[in-house]
Amino acid sequence: MNFCYYINKLKLKYEEENMSSSPKTLKERLDCLEQNDLIFKKGKQAVMETIQEIRLKIKLSQTPKNLDIKKPQTLI
């Protein structure tokens, strides 16, 4: 999807800014990259969940209005 491209581009920009500012050792740089990766994975997951919610709302809005959906009745 197109948003993945922009998320990855933003991730690279964010990493470049953070890498140039503070971490000096390779270990610190690796830790920073791993932390950034985790942050962006969570962000990407949130975007995917939002898209799924929007698709569901669209699908529900396209169901016929005259369709009477009732819960299944249980026998007593």
PDB file of N, CA and C in Angstrom:
ATOM      1  N   MET A   1       0.835  -1.183   0.000  1.00  0.00           N
ATOM      2  CA  MET A   1       0.000   0.000   0.000  1.00  0.00           C
ATOM      3  C   MET A   1       0.880   1.246   0.000  1.00  0.00           C
ATOM      4  N   ASN A   2       0.295   2.323  -0.398  1.00  0.00           N
ATOM      5  CA  ASN A   2       1.029   3.567  -0.526  1.00  0.00           C
ATOM      6  C   ASN A   2       1.484   4.128   0.816  1.00  0.00           C
ATOM      7  N   PHE A   3       0.671   3.971   1.854  1.00  0.00           N
ATOM      8  CA  PHE A   3       1.043   4.531   3.152  1.00  0.00           C
ATOM      9  C   PHE A   3       2.273   3.847   3.724  1.00  0.00           C
ATOM     10  N   CYS A   4       2.522   2.587   3.371  1.00  0.00           N
ATOM     11  CA  CYS A   4       3.725   1.884   3.851  1.00  0.00           C
ATOM     12  C   CYS A   4       4.988   2.587   3.348  1.00  0.00           C
ATOM     13  N   TYR A   5       4.938   3.050   2.116  1.00  0.00           N
ATOM     14  CA  TYR A   5       6.076   3.777   1.547  1.00  0.00           C
ATOM     15  C   TYR A   5       6.375   5.019   2.379  1.00  0.00           C
ATOM     16  N   TYR A   6       5.333   5.760   2.715  1.00  0.00           N
ATOM     17  CA  TYR A   6       5.523   6.999   3.479  1.00  0.00           C
ATOM     18  C   TYR A   6       5.948   6.718   4.918  1.00  0.00           C
ATOM     19  N   ILE A   7       5.441   5.650   5.495  1.00  0.00           N
ATOM     20  CA  ILE A   7       5.856   5.280   6.854  1.00  0.00           C
ATOM     21  C   ILE A   7       7.338   4.919   6.852  1.00  0.00           C
ATOM     22  N   ASN A   8       7.772   4.136   5.871  1.00  0.00           N
ATOM     23  CA  ASN A   8       9.186   3.757   5.802  1.00  0.00           C
ATOM     24  C   ASN A   8      10.074   4.967   5.540  1.00  0.00           C
ATOM     25  N   LYS A   9       9.597   5.879   4.696  1.00  0.00           N
ATOM     26  CA  LYS A   9      10.364   7.098   4.417  1.00  0.00           C
ATOM     27  C   LYS A   9      10.490   7.944   5.684  1.00  0.00           C
ATOM     28  N   LEU A  10       9.395   8.062   6.421  1.00  0.00           N
ATOM     29  CA  LEU A  10       9.410   8.807   7.679  1.00  0.00           C
ATOM     30  C   LEU A  10      10.340   8.134   8.687  1.00  0.00           C
ATOM     31  N   LYS A  11      10.313   6.803   8.711  1.00  0.00           N
ATOM     32  CA  LYS A  11      11.169   6.045   9.618  1.00  0.00           C
ATOM     33  C   LYS A  11      12.646   6.329   9.316  1.00  0.00           C
ATOM     34  N   LEU A  12      13.009   6.309   8.041  1.00  0.00           N
ATOM     35  CA  LEU A  12      14.397   6.576   7.667  1.00  0.00           C
ATOM     36  C   LEU A  12      14.818   7.991   8.055  1.00  0.00           C
ATOM     37  N   LYS A  13      13.936   8.956   7.815  1.00  0.00           N
ATOM     38  CA  LYS A  13      14.245  10.339   8.177  1.00  0.00           C
ATOM     39  C   LYS A  13      14.430  10.463   9.692  1.00  0.00           C
ATOM     40  N   TYR A  14      13.541   9.828  10.444  1.00  0.00           N
ATOM     41  CA  TYR A  14      13.602   9.872  11.903  1.00  0.00           C
ATOM     42  C   TYR A  14      14.904   9.242  12.402  1.00  0.00           C
ATOM     43  N   GLU A  15      15.274   8.104  11.814  1.00  0.00           N
ATOM     44  CA  GLU A  15      16.507   7.433  12.215  1.00  0.00           C
ATOM     45  C   GLU A  15      17.729   8.281  11.895  1.00  0.00           C
ATOM     46  N   GLU A  16      17.733   8.903  10.736  1.00  0.00           N
ATOM     47  CA  GLU A  16      18.871   9.748  10.364  1.00  0.00           C
ATOM     48  C   GLU A  16      19.032  10.909  11.344  1.00  0.00           C
ATOM     49  N   GLU A  17      17.911  11.520  11.718  1.00  0.00           N
ATOM     50  CA  GLU A  17      17.982  12.638  12.660  1.00  0.00           C
ATOM     51  C   GLU A  17      18.492  12.181  14.020  1.00  0.00           C
ATOM     52  N   ASN A  18      18.007  11.027  14.470  1.00  0.00           N
ATOM     53  CA  ASN A  18      18.438  10.528  15.783  1.00  0.00           C
ATOM     54  C   ASN A  18      19.881  10.039  15.759  1.00  0.00           C
ATOM     55  N   MET A  19      20.292   9.436  14.665  1.00  0.00           N
ATOM     56  CA  MET A  19      21.644   8.891  14.591  1.00  0.00           C
ATOM     57  C   MET A  19      22.682  10.020  14.555  1.00  0.00           C
ATOM     58  N   SER A  20      22.333  11.120  13.948  1.00  0.00           N
ATOM     59  CA  SER A  20      23.311  12.205  13.845  1.00  0.00           C
ATOM     60  C   SER A  20      23.451  12.974  15.153  1.00  0.00           C
ATOM     61  N   SER A  21      22.460  12.852  16.029  1.00  0.00           N
ATOM     62  CA  SER A  21      22.491  13.674  17.239  1.00  0.00           C
ATOM     63  C   SER A  21      23.260  13.033  18.389  1.00  0.00           C
ATOM     64  N   SER A  22      22.894  11.831  18.835  1.00  0.00           N
ATOM     65  CA  SER A  22      23.486  11.368  20.079  1.00  0.00           C
ATOM     66  C   SER A  22      24.295  10.076  20.054  1.00  0.00           C
ATOM     67  N   PRO A  23      23.765   8.932  19.636  1.00  0.00           N
ATOM     68  CA  PRO A  23      24.506   7.679  19.869  1.00  0.00           C
ATOM     69  C   PRO A  23      25.881   7.664  19.199  1.00  0.00           C
ATOM     70  N   LYS A  24      26.871   7.288  19.967  1.00  0.00           N
ATOM     71  CA  LYS A  24      28.236   7.307  19.451  1.00  0.00           C
ATOM     72  C   LYS A  24      28.755   5.899  19.173  1.00  0.00           C
ATOM     73  N   THR A  25      28.521   4.971  20.076  1.00  0.00           N
ATOM     74  CA  THR A  25      29.049   3.624  19.881  1.00  0.00           C
ATOM     75  C   THR A  25      28.104   2.813  19.003  1.00  0.00           C
ATOM     76  N   LEU A  26      28.650   1.746  18.441  1.00  0.00           N
ATOM     77  CA  LEU A  26      27.818   0.883  17.594  1.00  0.00           C
ATOM     78  C   LEU A  26      26.676   0.255  18.391  1.00  0.00           C
ATOM     79  N   LYS A  27      26.934  -0.105  19.628  1.00  0.00           N
ATOM     80  CA  LYS A  27      25.904  -0.694  20.478  1.00  0.00           C
ATOM     81  C   LYS A  27      24.760   0.302  20.702  1.00  0.00           C
ATOM     82  N   GLU A  28      25.112   1.553  20.987  1.00  0.00           N
ATOM     83  CA  GLU A  28      24.084   2.583  21.200  1.00  0.00           C
ATOM     84  C   GLU A  28      23.291   2.820  19.918  1.00  0.00           C
ATOM     85  N   ARG A  29      23.983   2.811  18.785  1.00  0.00           N
ATOM     86  CA  ARG A  29      23.307   3.012  17.502  1.00  0.00           C
ATOM     87  C   ARG A  29      22.340   1.860  17.213  1.00  0.00           C
ATOM     88  N   LEU A  30      22.780   0.637  17.489  1.00  0.00           N
ATOM     89  CA  LEU A  30      21.928  -0.534  17.272  1.00  0.00           C
ATOM     90  C   LEU A  30      20.703  -0.484  18.180  1.00  0.00           C
ATOM     91  N   ASP A  31      20.903  -0.134  19.447  1.00  0.00           N
ATOM     92  CA  ASP A  31      19.785  -0.007  20.378  1.00  0.00           C
ATOM     93  C   ASP A  31      18.786   1.040  19.899  1.00  0.00           C
ATOM     94  N   CYS A  32      19.316   2.153  19.391  1.00  0.00           N
ATOM     95  CA  CYS A  32      18.460   3.225  18.887  1.00  0.00           C
ATOM     96  C   CYS A  32      17.647   2.742  17.685  1.00  0.00           C
ATOM     97  N   LEU A  33      18.296   2.024  16.771  1.00  0.00           N
ATOM     98  CA  LEU A  33      17.593   1.501  15.595  1.00  0.00           C
ATOM     99  C   LEU A  33      16.510   0.501  15.984  1.00  0.00           C
ATOM    100  N   GLU A  34      16.813  -0.371  16.934  1.00  0.00           N
ATOM    101  CA  GLU A  34      15.820  -1.350  17.389  1.00  0.00           C
ATOM    102  C   GLU A  34      14.624  -0.662  18.047  1.00  0.00           C
ATOM    103  N   GLN A  35      14.897   0.352  18.833  1.00  0.00           N
ATOM    104  CA  GLN A  35      13.816   1.090  19.486  1.00  0.00           C
ATOM    105  C   GLN A  35      12.963   1.817  18.446  1.00  0.00           C
ATOM    106  N   ASN A  36      13.602   2.447  17.469  1.00  0.00           N
ATOM    107  CA  ASN A  36      12.873   3.133  16.404  1.00  0.00           C
ATOM    108  C   ASN A  36      12.023   2.149  15.609  1.00  0.00           C
ATOM    109  N   ASP A  37      12.573   0.973  15.328  1.00  0.00           N
ATOM    110  CA  ASP A  37      11.845  -0.046  14.579  1.00  0.00           C
ATOM    111  C   ASP A  37      10.585  -0.467  15.327  1.00  0.00           C
ATOM    112  N   LEU A  38      10.708  -0.645  16.636  1.00  0.00           N
ATOM    113  CA  LEU A  38       9.558  -1.026  17.449  1.00  0.00           C
ATOM    114  C   LEU A  38       8.486   0.062  17.434  1.00  0.00           C
ATOM    115  N   ILE A  39       8.910   1.313  17.552  1.00  0.00           N
ATOM    116  CA  ILE A  39       7.970   2.439  17.535  1.00  0.00           C
ATOM    117  C   ILE A  39       7.209   2.472  16.213  1.00  0.00           C
ATOM    118  N   PHE A  40       7.921   2.318  15.112  1.00  0.00           N
ATOM    119  CA  PHE A  40       7.261   2.404  13.818  1.00  0.00           C
ATOM    120  C   PHE A  40       6.405   1.177  13.515  1.00  0.00           C
ATOM    121  N   LYS A  41       6.778   0.011  14.034  1.00  0.00           N
ATOM    122  CA  LYS A  41       5.923  -1.162  13.854  1.00  0.00           C
ATOM    123  C   LYS A  41       4.589  -0.957  14.565  1.00  0.00           C
ATOM    124  N   LYS A  42       4.635  -0.382  15.764  1.00  0.00           N
ATOM    125  CA  LYS A  42       3.400  -0.097  16.490  1.00  0.00           C
ATOM    126  C   LYS A  42       2.557   0.925  15.736  1.00  0.00           C
ATOM    127  N   GLY A  43       3.212   1.930  15.162  1.00  0.00           N
ATOM    128  CA  GLY A  43       2.502   2.942  14.389  1.00  0.00           C
ATOM    129  C   GLY A  43       1.860   2.345  13.146  1.00  0.00           C
ATOM    130  N   LYS A  44       2.596   1.484  12.474  1.00  0.00           N
ATOM    131  CA  LYS A  44       2.077   0.835  11.271  1.00  0.00           C
ATOM    132  C   LYS A  44       0.889  -0.052  11.614  1.00  0.00           C
ATOM    133  N   GLN A  45       0.972  -0.759  12.736  1.00  0.00           N
ATOM    134  CA  GLN A  45      -0.129  -1.609  13.176  1.00  0.00           C
ATOM    135  C   GLN A  45      -1.364  -0.769  13.477  1.00  0.00           C
ATOM    136  N   ALA A  46      -1.172   0.378  14.099  1.00  0.00           N
ATOM    137  CA  ALA A  46      -2.300   1.263  14.396  1.00  0.00           C
ATOM    138  C   ALA A  46      -2.954   1.769  13.117  1.00  0.00           C
ATOM    139  N   VAL A  47      -2.135   2.094  12.119  1.00  0.00           N
ATOM    140  CA  VAL A  47      -2.675   2.543  10.833  1.00  0.00           C
ATOM    141  C   VAL A  47      -3.481   1.421  10.180  1.00  0.00           C
ATOM    142  N   MET A  48      -2.954   0.207  10.205  1.00  0.00           N
ATOM    143  CA  MET A  48      -3.662  -0.934   9.609  1.00  0.00           C
ATOM    144  C   MET A  48      -5.003  -1.167  10.309  1.00  0.00           C
ATOM    145  N   GLU A  49      -5.024  -1.074  11.643  1.00  0.00           N
ATOM    146  CA  GLU A  49      -6.268  -1.261  12.385  1.00  0.00           C
ATOM    147  C   GLU A  49      -7.281  -0.179  12.040  1.00  0.00           C
ATOM    148  N   THR A  50      -6.817   1.050  11.890  1.00  0.00           N
ATOM    149  CA  THR A  50      -7.708   2.150  11.524  1.00  0.00           C
ATOM    150  C   THR A  50      -8.304   1.923  10.138  1.00  0.00           C
ATOM    151  N   ILE A  51      -7.476   1.468   9.198  1.00  0.00           N
ATOM    152  CA  ILE A  51      -7.967   1.189   7.849  1.00  0.00           C
ATOM    153  C   ILE A  51      -9.011   0.082   7.882  1.00  0.00           C
ATOM    154  N   GLN A  52      -8.781  -0.955   8.677  1.00  0.00           N
ATOM    155  CA  GLN A  52      -9.755  -2.042   8.783  1.00  0.00           C
ATOM    156  C   GLN A  52     -11.072  -1.537   9.369  1.00  0.00           C
ATOM    157  N   GLU A  53     -11.002  -0.658  10.362  1.00  0.00           N
ATOM    158  CA  GLU A  53     -12.214  -0.096  10.947  1.00  0.00           C
ATOM    159  C   GLU A  53     -12.982   0.732   9.919  1.00  0.00           C
ATOM    160  N   ILE A  54     -12.268   1.525   9.135  1.00  0.00           N
ATOM    161  CA  ILE A  54     -12.909   2.346   8.111  1.00  0.00           C
ATOM    162  C   ILE A  54     -13.571   1.454   7.062  1.00  0.00           C
ATOM    163  N   ARG A  55     -12.879   0.401   6.638  1.00  0.00           N
ATOM    164  CA  ARG A  55     -13.463  -0.523   5.652  1.00  0.00           C
ATOM    165  C   ARG A  55     -14.721  -1.178   6.193  1.00  0.00           C
ATOM    166  N   LEU A  56     -14.699  -1.551   7.462  1.00  0.00           N
ATOM    167  CA  LEU A  56     -15.872  -2.161   8.073  1.00  0.00           C
ATOM    168  C   LEU A  56     -17.038  -1.175   8.104  1.00  0.00           C
ATOM    169  N   LYS A  57     -16.769   0.075   8.465  1.00  0.00           N
ATOM    170  CA  LYS A  57     -17.821   1.094   8.492  1.00  0.00           C
ATOM    171  C   LYS A  57     -18.404   1.316   7.098  1.00  0.00           C
ATOM    172  N   ILE A  58     -17.536   1.331   6.096  1.00  0.00           N
ATOM    173  CA  ILE A  58     -18.008   1.497   4.717  1.00  0.00           C
ATOM    174  C   ILE A  58     -18.880   0.310   4.317  1.00  0.00           C
ATOM    175  N   LYS A  59     -18.417  -0.883   4.650  1.00  0.00           N
ATOM    176  CA  LYS A  59     -19.164  -2.092   4.303  1.00  0.00           C
ATOM    177  C   LYS A  59     -20.531  -2.089   4.995  1.00  0.00           C
ATOM    178  N   LEU A  60     -20.544  -1.705   6.269  1.00  0.00           N
ATOM    179  CA  LEU A  60     -21.809  -1.667   6.999  1.00  0.00           C
ATOM    180  C   LEU A  60     -22.735  -0.590   6.459  1.00  0.00           C
ATOM    181  N   SER A  61     -22.167   0.519   6.011  1.00  0.00           N
ATOM    182  CA  SER A  61     -23.004   1.595   5.474  1.00  0.00           C
ATOM    183  C   SER A  61     -23.589   1.227   4.118  1.00  0.00           C
ATOM    184  N   GLN A  62     -23.018   0.235   3.453  1.00  0.00           N
ATOM    185  CA  GLN A  62     -23.508  -0.164   2.137  1.00  0.00           C
ATOM    186  C   GLN A  62     -24.519  -1.299   2.209  1.00  0.00           C
ATOM    187  N   THR A  63     -24.791  -1.811   3.400  1.00  0.00           N
ATOM    188  CA  THR A  63     -25.797  -2.872   3.515  1.00  0.00           C
ATOM    189  C   THR A  63     -27.176  -2.263   3.314  1.00  0.00           C
ATOM    190  N   PRO A  64     -28.073  -3.010   2.740  1.00  0.00           N
ATOM    191  CA  PRO A  64     -29.418  -2.479   2.507  1.00  0.00           C
ATOM    192  C   PRO A  64     -30.091  -2.063   3.803  1.00  0.00           C
ATOM    193  N   LYS A  65     -30.748  -0.908   3.768  1.00  0.00           N
ATOM    194  CA  LYS A  65     -31.391  -0.377   4.972  1.00  0.00           C
ATOM    195  C   LYS A  65     -32.660  -1.154   5.321  1.00  0.00           C
ATOM    196  N   ASN A  66     -33.297  -1.735   4.328  1.00  0.00           N
ATOM    197  CA  ASN A  66     -34.546  -2.440   4.598  1.00  0.00           C
ATOM    198  C   ASN A  66     -34.319  -3.854   5.124  1.00  0.00           C
ATOM    199  N   LEU A  67     -33.078  -4.254   5.221  1.00  0.00           N
ATOM    200  CA  LEU A  67     -32.767  -5.579   5.734  1.00  0.00           C
ATOM    201  C   LEU A  67     -32.876  -5.566   7.247  1.00  0.00           C
ATOM    202  N   ASP A  68     -33.770  -6.349   7.776  1.00  0.00           N
ATOM    203  CA  ASP A  68     -33.986  -6.376   9.216  1.00  0.00           C
ATOM    204  C   ASP A  68     -33.127  -7.475   9.823  1.00  0.00           C
ATOM    205  N   ILE A  69     -32.030  -7.080  10.415  1.00  0.00           N
ATOM    206  CA  ILE A  69     -31.107  -8.046  11.003  1.00  0.00           C
ATOM    207  C   ILE A  69     -31.463  -8.208  12.472  1.00  0.00           C
ATOM    208  N   LYS A  70     -31.803  -9.433  12.836  1.00  0.00           N
ATOM    209  CA  LYS A  70     -32.163  -9.718  14.230  1.00  0.00           C
ATOM    210  C   LYS A  70     -31.196 -10.744  14.789  1.00  0.00           C
ATOM    211  N   LYS A  71     -31.079 -10.709  16.092  1.00  0.00           N
ATOM    212  CA  LYS A  71     -30.247 -11.708  16.748  1.00  0.00           C
ATOM    213  C   LYS A  71     -30.972 -13.048  16.682  1.00  0.00           C
ATOM    214  N   PRO A  72     -30.217 -14.134  16.552  1.00  0.00           N
ATOM    215  CA  PRO A  72     -30.865 -15.443  16.541  1.00  0.00           C
ATOM    216  C   PRO A  72     -31.561 -15.700  17.886  1.00  0.00           C
ATOM    217  N   GLN A  73     -32.765 -16.202  17.803  1.00  0.00           N
ATOM    218  CA  GLN A  73     -33.511 -16.469  19.033  1.00  0.00           C
ATOM    219  C   GLN A  73     -33.181 -17.874  19.518  1.00  0.00           C
ATOM    220  N   THR A  74     -33.051 -17.975  20.811  1.00  0.00           N
ATOM    221  CA  THR A  74     -32.780 -19.279  21.395  1.00  0.00           C
ATOM    222  C   THR A  74     -34.080 -19.874  21.904  1.00  0.00           C
ATOM    223  N   LEU A  75     -34.177 -21.170  21.815  1.00  0.00           N
ATOM    224  CA  LEU A  75     -35.368 -21.857  22.317  1.00  0.00           C
ATOM    225  C   LEU A  75     -35.285 -22.020  23.816  1.00  0.00           C
ATOM    226  N   ILE A  76     -36.383 -21.813  24.465  1.00  0.00           N
ATOM    227  CA  ILE A  76     -36.396 -21.910  25.928  1.00  0.00           C
ATOM    228  C   ILE A  76     -36.835 -23.279  26.350  1.00  0.00           C
TER     229      ILE A  76
END
